[in-house]
């Protein structure tokens, strides 16, 4: 494992702040996670650049700016305690586990679900030496959510479909928030914020993003 280039990580956080990420909780969380632990060893020198990197099986670790943007949207709208920490959060698409670890600094409990068995095992291997008690990795179909952990203060997805699965809405607590990519006209994707308040669902479509497709089933 390469030595953590702390100056590069600090520079990444500075760049996120300069790019518009203003929530200190998010900046602290991303400043605390050693991103180079979650990429292939040969790509470690690029770990703190604002770029997506391959993690195998056609999947990628998202750009730090995209992770930060989604986390900021989540913490600004999800159910929080007096200290500003979210309650239980469902992370759809564990991938290599980077986002789940970042969420561990922002939420009381993180349930992170992955449908690709090999990636689930890779995330387990990545997290094992970190001994993070509030992250729970699940092999399962993210489109179905994870009912055992519901209701969730927030749900965040790293894959985009044509529409939000109804299970996510059902498993979201009253006052909770979903952050997920959604299909947009012309085959593009856009970031969507979904707030559940007093039985009503309010959807807000934001900027264009690019994520892997949301798929069902465990493979």
C-alpha atoms as a PDB file:
ATOM      1  CA  UNK A   1       0.000   0.000   0.000  1.00  0.00           C
ATOM      2  CA  UNK A   2       1.550   3.341  -0.984  1.00  0.00           C
ATOM      3  CA  UNK A   3       2.133   5.985   1.655  1.00  0.00           C
ATOM      4  CA  UNK A   4      -0.754   8.432   1.858  1.00  0.00           C
ATOM      5  CA  UNK A   5       0.294  11.637   0.104  1.00  0.00           C
ATOM      6  CA  UNK A   6      -1.305  13.912   2.691  1.00  0.00           C
ATOM      7  CA  UNK A   7      -0.491  17.147   0.840  1.00  0.00           C
ATOM      8  CA  UNK A   8      -2.297  15.795  -2.246  1.00  0.00           C
ATOM      9  CA  UNK A   9      -5.342  14.918  -0.145  1.00  0.00           C
ATOM     10  CA  UNK A  10      -5.357  18.362   1.470  1.00  0.00           C
ATOM     11  CA  UNK A  11      -5.034  19.946  -1.963  1.00  0.00           C
ATOM     12  CA  UNK A  12      -8.014  17.886  -3.175  1.00  0.00           C
ATOM     13  CA  UNK A  13     -10.114  19.260  -0.292  1.00  0.00           C
ATOM     14  CA  UNK A  14      -8.987  22.807  -1.050  1.00  0.00           C
ATOM     15  CA  UNK A  15      -9.997  22.341  -4.673  1.00  0.00           C
ATOM     16  CA  UNK A  16     -13.408  21.005  -3.620  1.00  0.00           C
ATOM     17  CA  UNK A  17     -13.937  24.089  -1.459  1.00  0.00           C
ATOM     18  CA  UNK A  18     -12.800  26.373  -4.280  1.00  0.00           C
ATOM     19  CA  UNK A  19     -15.211  24.551  -6.597  1.00  0.00           C
ATOM     20  CA  UNK A  20     -18.208  25.394  -4.432  1.00  0.00           C
ATOM     21  CA  UNK A  21     -18.431  22.699  -1.754  1.00  0.00           C
ATOM     22  CA  UNK A  22     -19.151  24.756   1.339  1.00  0.00           C
ATOM     23  CA  UNK A  23     -20.353  22.294   3.979  1.00  0.00           C
ATOM     24  CA  UNK A  24     -17.506  21.803   6.477  1.00  0.00           C
ATOM     25  CA  UNK A  25     -18.817  18.361   7.458  1.00  0.00           C
ATOM     26  CA  UNK A  26     -18.399  17.108   3.896  1.00  0.00           C
ATOM     27  CA  UNK A  27     -14.966  18.676   3.502  1.00  0.00           C
ATOM     28  CA  UNK A  28     -13.824  17.112   6.776  1.00  0.00           C
ATOM     29  CA  UNK A  29     -15.172  13.707   5.764  1.00  0.00           C
ATOM     30  CA  UNK A  30     -13.421  13.680   2.393  1.00  0.00           C
ATOM     31  CA  UNK A  31     -10.285  15.032   4.015  1.00  0.00           C
ATOM     32  CA  UNK A  32     -10.322  12.096   6.427  1.00  0.00           C
ATOM     33  CA  UNK A  33     -10.674   9.279   3.875  1.00  0.00           C
ATOM     34  CA  UNK A  34      -7.534   7.924   2.210  1.00  0.00           C
ATOM     35  CA  UNK A  35      -8.861   7.645  -1.342  1.00  0.00           C
ATOM     36  CA  UNK A  36      -5.712   5.920  -2.587  1.00  0.00           C
ATOM     37  CA  UNK A  37      -6.722   2.855  -0.533  1.00  0.00           C
ATOM     38  CA  UNK A  38      -9.753   2.392  -2.787  1.00  0.00           C
ATOM     39  CA  UNK A  39      -8.130   2.447  -6.230  1.00  0.00           C
ATOM     40  CA  UNK A  40      -5.849  -0.007  -7.985  1.00  0.00           C
ATOM     41  CA  UNK A  41      -2.223   0.346  -6.809  1.00  0.00           C
ATOM     42  CA  UNK A  42      -1.094   1.451 -10.252  1.00  0.00           C
ATOM     43  CA  UNK A  43      -3.606   4.313 -10.164  1.00  0.00           C
ATOM     44  CA  UNK A  44      -2.724   5.506  -6.651  1.00  0.00           C
ATOM     45  CA  UNK A  45      -0.758   8.521  -7.967  1.00  0.00           C
ATOM     46  CA  UNK A  46      -4.024   9.767  -9.522  1.00  0.00           C
ATOM     47  CA  UNK A  47      -6.150   9.085  -6.441  1.00  0.00           C
ATOM     48  CA  UNK A  48      -6.467  12.725  -5.390  1.00  0.00           C
ATOM     49  CA  UNK A  49      -7.100  14.148  -8.816  1.00  0.00           C
ATOM     50  CA  UNK A  50     -10.673  15.119  -9.652  1.00  0.00           C
ATOM     51  CA  UNK A  51     -11.252  12.192 -11.941  1.00  0.00           C
ATOM     52  CA  UNK A  52     -13.212   8.934 -11.998  1.00  0.00           C
ATOM     53  CA  UNK A  53     -11.007   5.835 -11.976  1.00  0.00           C
ATOM     54  CA  UNK A  54     -11.764   2.229 -12.947  1.00  0.00           C
ATOM     55  CA  UNK A  55     -12.226  -0.287 -10.131  1.00  0.00           C
ATOM     56  CA  UNK A  56     -12.958  -3.371 -12.251  1.00  0.00           C
ATOM     57  CA  UNK A  57     -16.054  -5.055 -13.684  1.00  0.00           C
ATOM     58  CA  UNK A  58     -16.802  -1.980 -15.785  1.00  0.00           C
ATOM     59  CA  UNK A  59     -17.346   0.149 -12.659  1.00  0.00           C
ATOM     60  CA  UNK A  60     -15.615   3.306 -11.481  1.00  0.00           C
ATOM     61  CA  UNK A  61     -14.920   5.281  -8.331  1.00  0.00           C
ATOM     62  CA  UNK A  62     -16.645   8.612  -8.837  1.00  0.00           C
ATOM     63  CA  UNK A  63     -14.843  11.937  -9.118  1.00  0.00           C
ATOM     64  CA  UNK A  64     -14.270  13.502  -5.685  1.00  0.00           C
ATOM     65  CA  UNK A  65     -16.220  16.584  -6.782  1.00  0.00           C
ATOM     66  CA  UNK A  66     -19.250  14.452  -7.648  1.00  0.00           C
ATOM     67  CA  UNK A  67     -19.062  12.530  -4.369  1.00  0.00           C
ATOM     68  CA  UNK A  68     -18.750  15.797  -2.463  1.00  0.00           C
ATOM     69  CA  UNK A  69     -21.662  17.384  -4.317  1.00  0.00           C
ATOM     70  CA  UNK A  70     -23.959  14.429  -3.613  1.00  0.00           C
ATOM     71  CA  UNK A  71     -22.936  14.182   0.025  1.00  0.00           C
ATOM     72  CA  UNK A  72     -23.492  17.902   0.513  1.00  0.00           C
ATOM     73  CA  UNK A  73     -26.968  17.674  -0.992  1.00  0.00           C
ATOM     74  CA  UNK A  74     -27.709  14.717   1.277  1.00  0.00           C
ATOM     75  CA  UNK A  75     -26.592  16.313   4.536  1.00  0.00           C
ATOM     76  CA  UNK A  76     -28.367  19.558   3.731  1.00  0.00           C
ATOM     77  CA  UNK A  77     -31.710  17.812   3.446  1.00  0.00           C
ATOM     78  CA  UNK A  78     -31.723  14.501   5.308  1.00  0.00           C
ATOM     79  CA  UNK A  79     -32.899  13.923   8.881  1.00  0.00           C
ATOM     80  CA  UNK A  80     -30.183  15.036  11.303  1.00  0.00           C
ATOM     81  CA  UNK A  81     -29.572  15.037  15.046  1.00  0.00           C
ATOM     82  CA  UNK A  82     -28.646  18.092  17.112  1.00  0.00           C
ATOM     83  CA  UNK A  83     -24.994  17.710  16.096  1.00  0.00           C
ATOM     84  CA  UNK A  84     -25.852  17.756  12.400  1.00  0.00           C
ATOM     85  CA  UNK A  85     -25.261  14.045  11.860  1.00  0.00           C
ATOM     86  CA  UNK A  86     -27.633  12.043   9.692  1.00  0.00           C
ATOM     87  CA  UNK A  87     -29.405   8.991  11.045  1.00  0.00           C
ATOM     88  CA  UNK A  88     -29.353   5.725   9.046  1.00  0.00           C
ATOM     89  CA  UNK A  89     -28.321   6.115   5.413  1.00  0.00           C
ATOM     90  CA  UNK A  90     -28.681   3.654   2.542  1.00  0.00           C
ATOM     91  CA  UNK A  91     -25.808   3.726   0.034  1.00  0.00           C
ATOM     92  CA  UNK A  92     -26.818   2.113  -3.272  1.00  0.00           C
ATOM     93  CA  UNK A  93     -23.837   0.756  -5.203  1.00  0.00           C
ATOM     94  CA  UNK A  94     -20.963   0.176  -2.774  1.00  0.00           C
ATOM     95  CA  UNK A  95     -18.370  -0.176  -5.510  1.00  0.00           C
ATOM     96  CA  UNK A  96     -14.948  -0.094  -3.848  1.00  0.00           C
ATOM     97  CA  UNK A  97     -16.400   1.290  -0.588  1.00  0.00           C
ATOM     98  CA  UNK A  98     -15.023   4.845  -0.762  1.00  0.00           C
ATOM     99  CA  UNK A  99     -18.359   6.647  -0.524  1.00  0.00           C
ATOM    100  CA  UNK A 100     -19.558   4.368   2.282  1.00  0.00           C
ATOM    101  CA  UNK A 101     -16.498   5.302   4.332  1.00  0.00           C
ATOM    102  CA  UNK A 102     -17.044   9.009   3.660  1.00  0.00           C
ATOM    103  CA  UNK A 103     -20.664   8.563   4.764  1.00  0.00           C
ATOM    104  CA  UNK A 104     -19.491   6.955   8.012  1.00  0.00           C
ATOM    105  CA  UNK A 105     -18.335  10.419   9.128  1.00  0.00           C
ATOM    106  CA  UNK A 106     -21.703  11.970   8.297  1.00  0.00           C
ATOM    107  CA  UNK A 107     -24.270   9.386   9.432  1.00  0.00           C
ATOM    108  CA  UNK A 108     -24.992   7.316  12.514  1.00  0.00           C
ATOM    109  CA  UNK A 109     -25.280   4.100  10.460  1.00  0.00           C
ATOM    110  CA  UNK A 110     -24.493   3.327   6.822  1.00  0.00           C
ATOM    111  CA  UNK A 111     -26.023   0.373   4.992  1.00  0.00           C
ATOM    112  CA  UNK A 112     -24.170  -0.007   1.705  1.00  0.00           C
ATOM    113  CA  UNK A 113     -25.477  -2.480  -0.864  1.00  0.00           C
ATOM    114  CA  UNK A 114     -23.718  -3.904  -3.927  1.00  0.00           C
ATOM    115  CA  UNK A 115     -25.096  -6.344  -6.536  1.00  0.00           C
ATOM    116  CA  UNK A 116     -21.716  -7.419  -7.979  1.00  0.00           C
ATOM    117  CA  UNK A 117     -20.273 -10.112  -5.743  1.00  0.00           C
ATOM    118  CA  UNK A 118     -16.651  -9.450  -6.680  1.00  0.00           C
ATOM    119  CA  UNK A 119     -16.987  -5.731  -5.932  1.00  0.00           C
ATOM    120  CA  UNK A 120     -18.738  -6.477  -2.645  1.00  0.00           C
ATOM    121  CA  UNK A 121     -15.784  -8.657  -1.662  1.00  0.00           C
ATOM    122  CA  UNK A 122     -13.332  -5.967  -2.788  1.00  0.00           C
ATOM    123  CA  UNK A 123     -15.108  -3.400  -0.625  1.00  0.00           C
ATOM    124  CA  UNK A 124     -15.011  -5.793   2.329  1.00  0.00           C
ATOM    125  CA  UNK A 125     -11.271  -6.207   1.838  1.00  0.00           C
ATOM    126  CA  UNK A 126     -10.809  -2.438   1.594  1.00  0.00           C
ATOM    127  CA  UNK A 127     -12.788  -1.746   4.762  1.00  0.00           C
ATOM    128  CA  UNK A 128     -11.540  -4.650   6.882  1.00  0.00           C
ATOM    129  CA  UNK A 129      -8.339  -2.944   8.100  1.00  0.00           C
ATOM    130  CA  UNK A 130     -10.203   0.299   8.824  1.00  0.00           C
ATOM    131  CA  UNK A 131     -12.472  -1.235  11.515  1.00  0.00           C
ATOM    132  CA  UNK A 132     -15.392   1.148  10.944  1.00  0.00           C
ATOM    133  CA  UNK A 133     -18.239  -0.018  13.210  1.00  0.00           C
ATOM    134  CA  UNK A 134     -21.096   1.975  11.648  1.00  0.00           C
ATOM    135  CA  UNK A 135     -20.726   0.744   8.041  1.00  0.00           C
ATOM    136  CA  UNK A 136     -22.588  -2.430   7.081  1.00  0.00           C
ATOM    137  CA  UNK A 137     -21.809  -3.944   3.674  1.00  0.00           C
ATOM    138  CA  UNK A 138     -24.588  -5.951   2.029  1.00  0.00           C
ATOM    139  CA  UNK A 139     -24.565  -8.147  -1.060  1.00  0.00           C
ATOM    140  CA  UNK A 140     -27.963  -7.547  -2.617  1.00  0.00           C
ATOM    141  CA  UNK A 141     -30.139  -5.944  -5.249  1.00  0.00           C
ATOM    142  CA  UNK A 142     -29.914  -2.199  -4.721  1.00  0.00           C
ATOM    143  CA  UNK A 143     -33.051  -1.569  -6.763  1.00  0.00           C
ATOM    144  CA  UNK A 144     -34.981  -3.271  -3.965  1.00  0.00           C
ATOM    145  CA  UNK A 145     -33.280  -1.147  -1.328  1.00  0.00           C
ATOM    146  CA  UNK A 146     -32.713  -2.814   2.045  1.00  0.00           C
ATOM    147  CA  UNK A 147     -35.939  -2.997   4.007  1.00  0.00           C
ATOM    148  CA  UNK A 148     -34.312  -4.369   7.183  1.00  0.00           C
ATOM    149  CA  UNK A 149     -32.531  -1.066   7.787  1.00  0.00           C
ATOM    150  CA  UNK A 150     -35.484   1.191   6.959  1.00  0.00           C
ATOM    151  CA  UNK A 151     -36.628   3.847   7.482  1.00  0.00           C
ATOM    152  CA  UNK A 152     -33.648   5.849   6.233  1.00  0.00           C
ATOM    153  CA  UNK A 153     -32.789   9.469   6.923  1.00  0.00           C
ATOM    154  CA  UNK A 154     -31.171   9.539   3.493  1.00  0.00           C
ATOM    155  CA  UNK A 155     -30.591   7.368   0.438  1.00  0.00           C
ATOM    156  CA  UNK A 156     -27.783   7.983  -2.044  1.00  0.00           C
ATOM    157  CA  UNK A 157     -27.233   6.083  -5.287  1.00  0.00           C
ATOM    158  CA  UNK A 158     -24.172   5.687  -7.498  1.00  0.00           C
ATOM    159  CA  UNK A 159     -26.110   4.302 -10.467  1.00  0.00           C
ATOM    160  CA  UNK A 160     -28.857   5.818 -12.568  1.00  0.00           C
ATOM    161  CA  UNK A 161     -32.096   4.365 -13.924  1.00  0.00           C
ATOM    162  CA  UNK A 162     -35.092   5.519 -15.920  1.00  0.00           C
ATOM    163  CA  UNK A 163     -37.030   6.157 -12.715  1.00  0.00           C
ATOM    164  CA  UNK A 164     -36.534   5.861  -8.979  1.00  0.00           C
ATOM    165  CA  UNK A 165     -37.470   2.411  -7.671  1.00  0.00           C
ATOM    166  CA  UNK A 166     -40.625   2.723  -5.541  1.00  0.00           C
ATOM    167  CA  UNK A 167     -38.928   0.728  -2.779  1.00  0.00           C
ATOM    168  CA  UNK A 168     -36.547   3.628  -2.188  1.00  0.00           C
ATOM    169  CA  UNK A 169     -39.439   6.012  -1.647  1.00  0.00           C
ATOM    170  CA  UNK A 170     -41.133   3.527   0.677  1.00  0.00           C
ATOM    171  CA  UNK A 171     -37.974   2.993   2.738  1.00  0.00           C
ATOM    172  CA  UNK A 172     -37.244   6.706   3.089  1.00  0.00           C
ATOM    173  CA  UNK A 173     -38.282   8.221   6.406  1.00  0.00           C
ATOM    174  CA  UNK A 174     -40.649  11.155   6.569  1.00  0.00           C
ATOM    175  CA  UNK A 175     -38.405  14.202   6.232  1.00  0.00           C
ATOM    176  CA  UNK A 176     -35.682  12.184   4.502  1.00  0.00           C
ATOM    177  CA  UNK A 177     -33.931  12.839   1.214  1.00  0.00           C
ATOM    178  CA  UNK A 178     -32.783  10.779  -1.783  1.00  0.00           C
ATOM    179  CA  UNK A 179     -29.877  11.821  -4.020  1.00  0.00           C
ATOM    180  CA  UNK A 180     -29.655   9.798  -7.232  1.00  0.00           C
ATOM    181  CA  UNK A 181     -28.904  10.078 -10.946  1.00  0.00           C
ATOM    182  CA  UNK A 182     -31.935   9.783 -13.189  1.00  0.00           C
ATOM    183  CA  UNK A 183     -32.376   9.397 -16.945  1.00  0.00           C
ATOM    184  CA  UNK A 184     -32.726  12.684 -18.832  1.00  0.00           C
ATOM    185  CA  UNK A 185     -33.783  13.376 -22.442  1.00  0.00           C
ATOM    186  CA  UNK A 186     -31.378  12.299 -25.156  1.00  0.00           C
ATOM    187  CA  UNK A 187     -29.893   9.422 -23.190  1.00  0.00           C
ATOM    188  CA  UNK A 188     -28.208  11.707 -20.658  1.00  0.00           C
ATOM    189  CA  UNK A 189     -28.454  11.639 -16.866  1.00  0.00           C
ATOM    190  CA  UNK A 190     -29.193  14.348 -14.335  1.00  0.00           C
ATOM    191  CA  UNK A 191     -28.827  14.512 -10.587  1.00  0.00           C
ATOM    192  CA  UNK A 192     -32.167  14.330  -8.788  1.00  0.00           C
ATOM    193  CA  UNK A 193     -33.051  15.354  -5.239  1.00  0.00           C
ATOM    194  CA  UNK A 194     -36.174  13.772  -3.757  1.00  0.00           C
ATOM    195  CA  UNK A 195     -37.620  15.046  -0.478  1.00  0.00           C
ATOM    196  CA  UNK A 196     -40.365  13.196   1.399  1.00  0.00           C
ATOM    197  CA  UNK A 197     -42.398  15.596   3.506  1.00  0.00           C
ATOM    198  CA  UNK A 198     -45.811  15.022   5.068  1.00  0.00           C
ATOM    199  CA  UNK A 199     -46.567  12.210   2.665  1.00  0.00           C
ATOM    200  CA  UNK A 200     -45.663  14.325  -0.369  1.00  0.00           C
ATOM    201  CA  UNK A 201     -42.769  13.624  -2.712  1.00  0.00           C
ATOM    202  CA  UNK A 202     -40.924  16.660  -4.068  1.00  0.00           C
ATOM    203  CA  UNK A 203     -38.466  16.046  -6.911  1.00  0.00           C
ATOM    204  CA  UNK A 204     -35.831  18.538  -8.042  1.00  0.00           C
ATOM    205  CA  UNK A 205     -33.656  17.875 -11.100  1.00  0.00           C
ATOM    206  CA  UNK A 206     -30.207  19.453 -11.038  1.00  0.00           C
ATOM    207  CA  UNK A 207     -27.092  19.299 -13.211  1.00  0.00           C
ATOM    208  CA  UNK A 208     -26.049  16.654 -15.724  1.00  0.00           C
ATOM    209  CA  UNK A 209     -24.011  13.722 -14.385  1.00  0.00           C
ATOM    210  CA  UNK A 210     -22.700  10.444 -15.730  1.00  0.00           C
ATOM    211  CA  UNK A 211     -23.060   7.214 -13.768  1.00  0.00           C
ATOM    212  CA  UNK A 212     -23.210   3.524 -14.618  1.00  0.00           C
ATOM    213  CA  UNK A 213     -26.726   2.156 -15.308  1.00  0.00           C
ATOM    214  CA  UNK A 214     -28.879   1.015 -12.404  1.00  0.00           C
ATOM    215  CA  UNK A 215     -29.487  -2.728 -12.771  1.00  0.00           C
ATOM    216  CA  UNK A 216     -31.287  -5.403 -10.785  1.00  0.00           C
ATOM    217  CA  UNK A 217     -30.161  -8.851  -9.709  1.00  0.00           C
ATOM    218  CA  UNK A 218     -27.055 -10.190  -7.966  1.00  0.00           C
ATOM    219  CA  UNK A 219     -24.149 -11.435 -10.087  1.00  0.00           C
END
